[in-house]
Each structure stands twice: as C-alpha cells, then as structure tokens.
Amino acid sequence: MEVIKKEKQTKIVDVTIDDYIECDKCNCRIEEKDYDAFKSSFIYETGDRYPDSAYLNTKSIDLCKECGVELMELLKSKGYRINSTDWDY
C-alpha cells in the first residue's frame, strides 16, 4: 500500500486594474487632470424611442485634446456650424 500526500498551495497576487480612455484616432491615453473640464466625444444615435422602451444604435468617438481640435477644424472647413457656449457657475 502506497500513501500519497497532496498539498494545495495558495498564492496571493496583487492585481492593478488600469482604467482609462484611449483616443480613437491616435491611440494615446486620455488623461483626466484635476480641475480640467476637458471632454471630447462625438455621439451619433439612431433608432426608435417609445414611452416604455427604446431601440438605439450608438456610434461614438473619444478624442484627446489635440485630435478634438483637429476634428473641430476639419468640420469647420467642411461647412459645419460649430456651436459654442460659455458658462460659469
């Protein structure tokens, strides 16, 4: 008769989850800085809305500051009206 000893070892591993948004044009990390109100995203939604439900198809682009400025200039040069609003509270 043979006696077999089995051991189970547990290894503790630290896992860091890096949560960030990446620019959809240049693939750089979009950094969020304290007191910075920058946000550049384009959202295009189509579909149907009903009183108790909806079907929507959403397409979106997240852009860094440089690519956001570049897109605004491109749209402006193609005749798109850019609406601007300043606010302070």
C-alpha atoms as a PDB file:
ATOM      1  CA  MET A   1       0.000   0.000   0.000  1.00  0.00           C
ATOM      2  CA  GLU A   2       1.316   3.420  -1.024  1.00  0.00           C
ATOM      3  CA  VAL A   3       0.380   6.671   0.792  1.00  0.00           C
ATOM      4  CA  ILE A   4       0.230   9.786  -1.403  1.00  0.00           C
ATOM      5  CA  LYS A   5       0.238  13.218   0.192  1.00  0.00           C
ATOM      6  CA  LYS A   6      -1.324  16.045  -1.806  1.00  0.00           C
ATOM      7  CA  GLU A   7      -0.859  19.680  -0.879  1.00  0.00           C
ATOM      8  CA  LYS A   8      -2.713  22.674  -2.154  1.00  0.00           C
ATOM      9  CA  GLN A   9      -0.882  25.995  -2.096  1.00  0.00           C
ATOM     10  CA  THR A  10      -2.498  29.390  -2.363  1.00  0.00           C
ATOM     11  CA  LYS A  11      -0.636  32.296  -3.861  1.00  0.00           C
ATOM     12  CA  ILE A  12      -1.735  35.872  -3.145  1.00  0.00           C
ATOM     13  CA  VAL A  13      -1.313  38.190  -6.112  1.00  0.00           C
ATOM     14  CA  ASP A  14      -1.861  41.957  -6.232  1.00  0.00           C
ATOM     15  CA  VAL A  15      -3.805  42.965  -9.333  1.00  0.00           C
ATOM     16  CA  THR A  16      -3.904  46.546 -10.534  1.00  0.00           C
ATOM     17  CA  ILE A  17      -6.675  47.493 -12.924  1.00  0.00           C
ATOM     18  CA  ASP A  18      -5.729  50.469 -15.058  1.00  0.00           C
ATOM     19  CA  ASP A  19      -8.930  52.209 -16.107  1.00  0.00           C
ATOM     20  CA  TYR A  20      -8.552  54.892 -18.752  1.00  0.00           C
ATOM     21  CA  ILE A  21      -9.962  56.119 -22.041  1.00  0.00           C
ATOM     22  CA  GLU A  22      -7.901  55.893 -25.212  1.00  0.00           C
ATOM     23  CA  CYS A  23      -8.105  58.338 -28.127  1.00  0.00           C
ATOM     24  CA  ASP A  24      -9.817  56.652 -31.060  1.00  0.00           C
ATOM     25  CA  LYS A  25      -7.584  58.457 -33.558  1.00  0.00           C
ATOM     26  CA  CYS A  26      -4.020  58.497 -32.196  1.00  0.00           C
ATOM     27  CA  ASN A  27      -4.451  55.753 -29.539  1.00  0.00           C
ATOM     28  CA  CYS A  28      -2.890  57.865 -26.776  1.00  0.00           C
ATOM     29  CA  ARG A  29      -4.213  57.694 -23.234  1.00  0.00           C
ATOM     30  CA  ILE A  30      -6.653  60.490 -22.439  1.00  0.00           C
ATOM     31  CA  GLU A  31      -5.511  61.747 -19.056  1.00  0.00           C
ATOM     32  CA  GLU A  32      -8.007  63.246 -16.663  1.00  0.00           C
ATOM     33  CA  LYS A  33      -6.430  66.020 -14.631  1.00  0.00           C
ATOM     34  CA  ASP A  34      -7.729  67.733 -11.518  1.00  0.00           C
ATOM     35  CA  TYR A  35      -9.818  70.819 -12.275  1.00  0.00           C
ATOM     36  CA  ASP A  36      -9.685  70.168 -16.023  1.00  0.00           C
ATOM     37  CA  ALA A  37     -13.098  70.292 -17.701  1.00  0.00           C
ATOM     38  CA  PHE A  38     -11.927  68.776 -20.995  1.00  0.00           C
ATOM     39  CA  LYS A  39     -14.148  66.237 -22.700  1.00  0.00           C
ATOM     40  CA  SER A  40     -14.128  65.485 -26.384  1.00  0.00           C
ATOM     41  CA  SER A  41     -16.538  62.857 -27.614  1.00  0.00           C
ATOM     42  CA  PHE A  42     -18.815  62.583 -30.597  1.00  0.00           C
ATOM     43  CA  ILE A  43     -22.007  60.536 -30.211  1.00  0.00           C
ATOM     44  CA  TYR A  44     -24.368  59.644 -33.033  1.00  0.00           C
ATOM     45  CA  GLU A  45     -27.574  57.852 -32.049  1.00  0.00           C
ATOM     46  CA  THR A  46     -30.277  56.460 -34.294  1.00  0.00           C
ATOM     47  CA  GLY A  47     -33.244  54.284 -33.505  1.00  0.00           C
ATOM     48  CA  ASP A  48     -36.737  54.391 -32.081  1.00  0.00           C
ATOM     49  CA  ARG A  49     -37.961  55.639 -28.697  1.00  0.00           C
ATOM     50  CA  TYR A  50     -41.250  54.580 -27.180  1.00  0.00           C
ATOM     51  CA  PRO A  51     -42.920  55.548 -23.895  1.00  0.00           C
ATOM     52  CA  ASP A  52     -41.766  52.371 -22.161  1.00  0.00           C
ATOM     53  CA  SER A  53     -38.773  51.207 -24.238  1.00  0.00           C
ATOM     54  CA  ALA A  54     -36.297  52.128 -26.938  1.00  0.00           C
ATOM     55  CA  TYR A  55     -34.101  50.631 -29.599  1.00  0.00           C
ATOM     56  CA  LEU A  56     -30.973  52.703 -30.194  1.00  0.00           C
ATOM     57  CA  ASN A  57     -27.813  52.240 -32.209  1.00  0.00           C
ATOM     58  CA  THR A  58     -24.989  54.381 -30.874  1.00  0.00           C
ATOM     59  CA  LYS A  59     -21.710  55.222 -32.561  1.00  0.00           C
ATOM     60  CA  SER A  60     -19.150  57.235 -30.615  1.00  0.00           C
ATOM     61  CA  ILE A  61     -15.611  58.618 -30.873  1.00  0.00           C
ATOM     62  CA  ASP A  62     -13.443  59.551 -27.871  1.00  0.00           C
ATOM     63  CA  LEU A  63     -10.690  62.023 -28.710  1.00  0.00           C
ATOM     64  CA  CYS A  64      -7.696  63.578 -26.938  1.00  0.00           C
ATOM     65  CA  LYS A  65      -7.391  67.384 -26.888  1.00  0.00           C
ATOM     66  CA  GLU A  66      -5.189  67.561 -29.980  1.00  0.00           C
ATOM     67  CA  CYS A  67      -7.378  65.254 -32.071  1.00  0.00           C
ATOM     68  CA  GLY A  68     -10.533  67.013 -30.808  1.00  0.00           C
ATOM     69  CA  VAL A  69      -9.206  70.380 -32.003  1.00  0.00           C
ATOM     70  CA  GLU A  70      -8.185  68.787 -35.317  1.00  0.00           C
ATOM     71  CA  LEU A  71     -11.698  67.347 -35.812  1.00  0.00           C
ATOM     72  CA  MET A  72     -13.345  70.694 -34.997  1.00  0.00           C
ATOM     73  CA  GLU A  73     -11.143  72.467 -37.562  1.00  0.00           C
ATOM     74  CA  LEU A  74     -11.889  69.784 -40.178  1.00  0.00           C
ATOM     75  CA  LEU A  75     -15.636  70.041 -39.610  1.00  0.00           C
ATOM     76  CA  LYS A  76     -15.482  73.835 -39.686  1.00  0.00           C
ATOM     77  CA  SER A  77     -13.576  73.757 -43.002  1.00  0.00           C
ATOM     78  CA  LYS A  78     -16.269  71.469 -44.454  1.00  0.00           C
ATOM     79  CA  GLY A  79     -19.003  73.984 -43.639  1.00  0.00           C
ATOM     80  CA  TYR A  80     -20.319  72.551 -40.366  1.00  0.00           C
ATOM     81  CA  ARG A  81     -21.535  75.140 -37.877  1.00  0.00           C
ATOM     82  CA  ILE A  82     -19.781  74.775 -34.526  1.00  0.00           C
ATOM     83  CA  ASN A  83     -21.969  75.891 -31.617  1.00  0.00           C
ATOM     84  CA  SER A  84     -20.080  77.417 -28.710  1.00  0.00           C
ATOM     85  CA  THR A  85     -21.361  78.029 -25.207  1.00  0.00           C
ATOM     86  CA  ASP A  86     -19.511  79.585 -22.278  1.00  0.00           C
ATOM     87  CA  TRP A  87     -20.814  79.141 -18.765  1.00  0.00           C
ATOM     88  CA  ASP A  88     -19.725  79.806 -15.240  1.00  0.00           C
ATOM     89  CA  TYR A  89     -21.385  78.732 -12.037  1.00  0.00           C
END
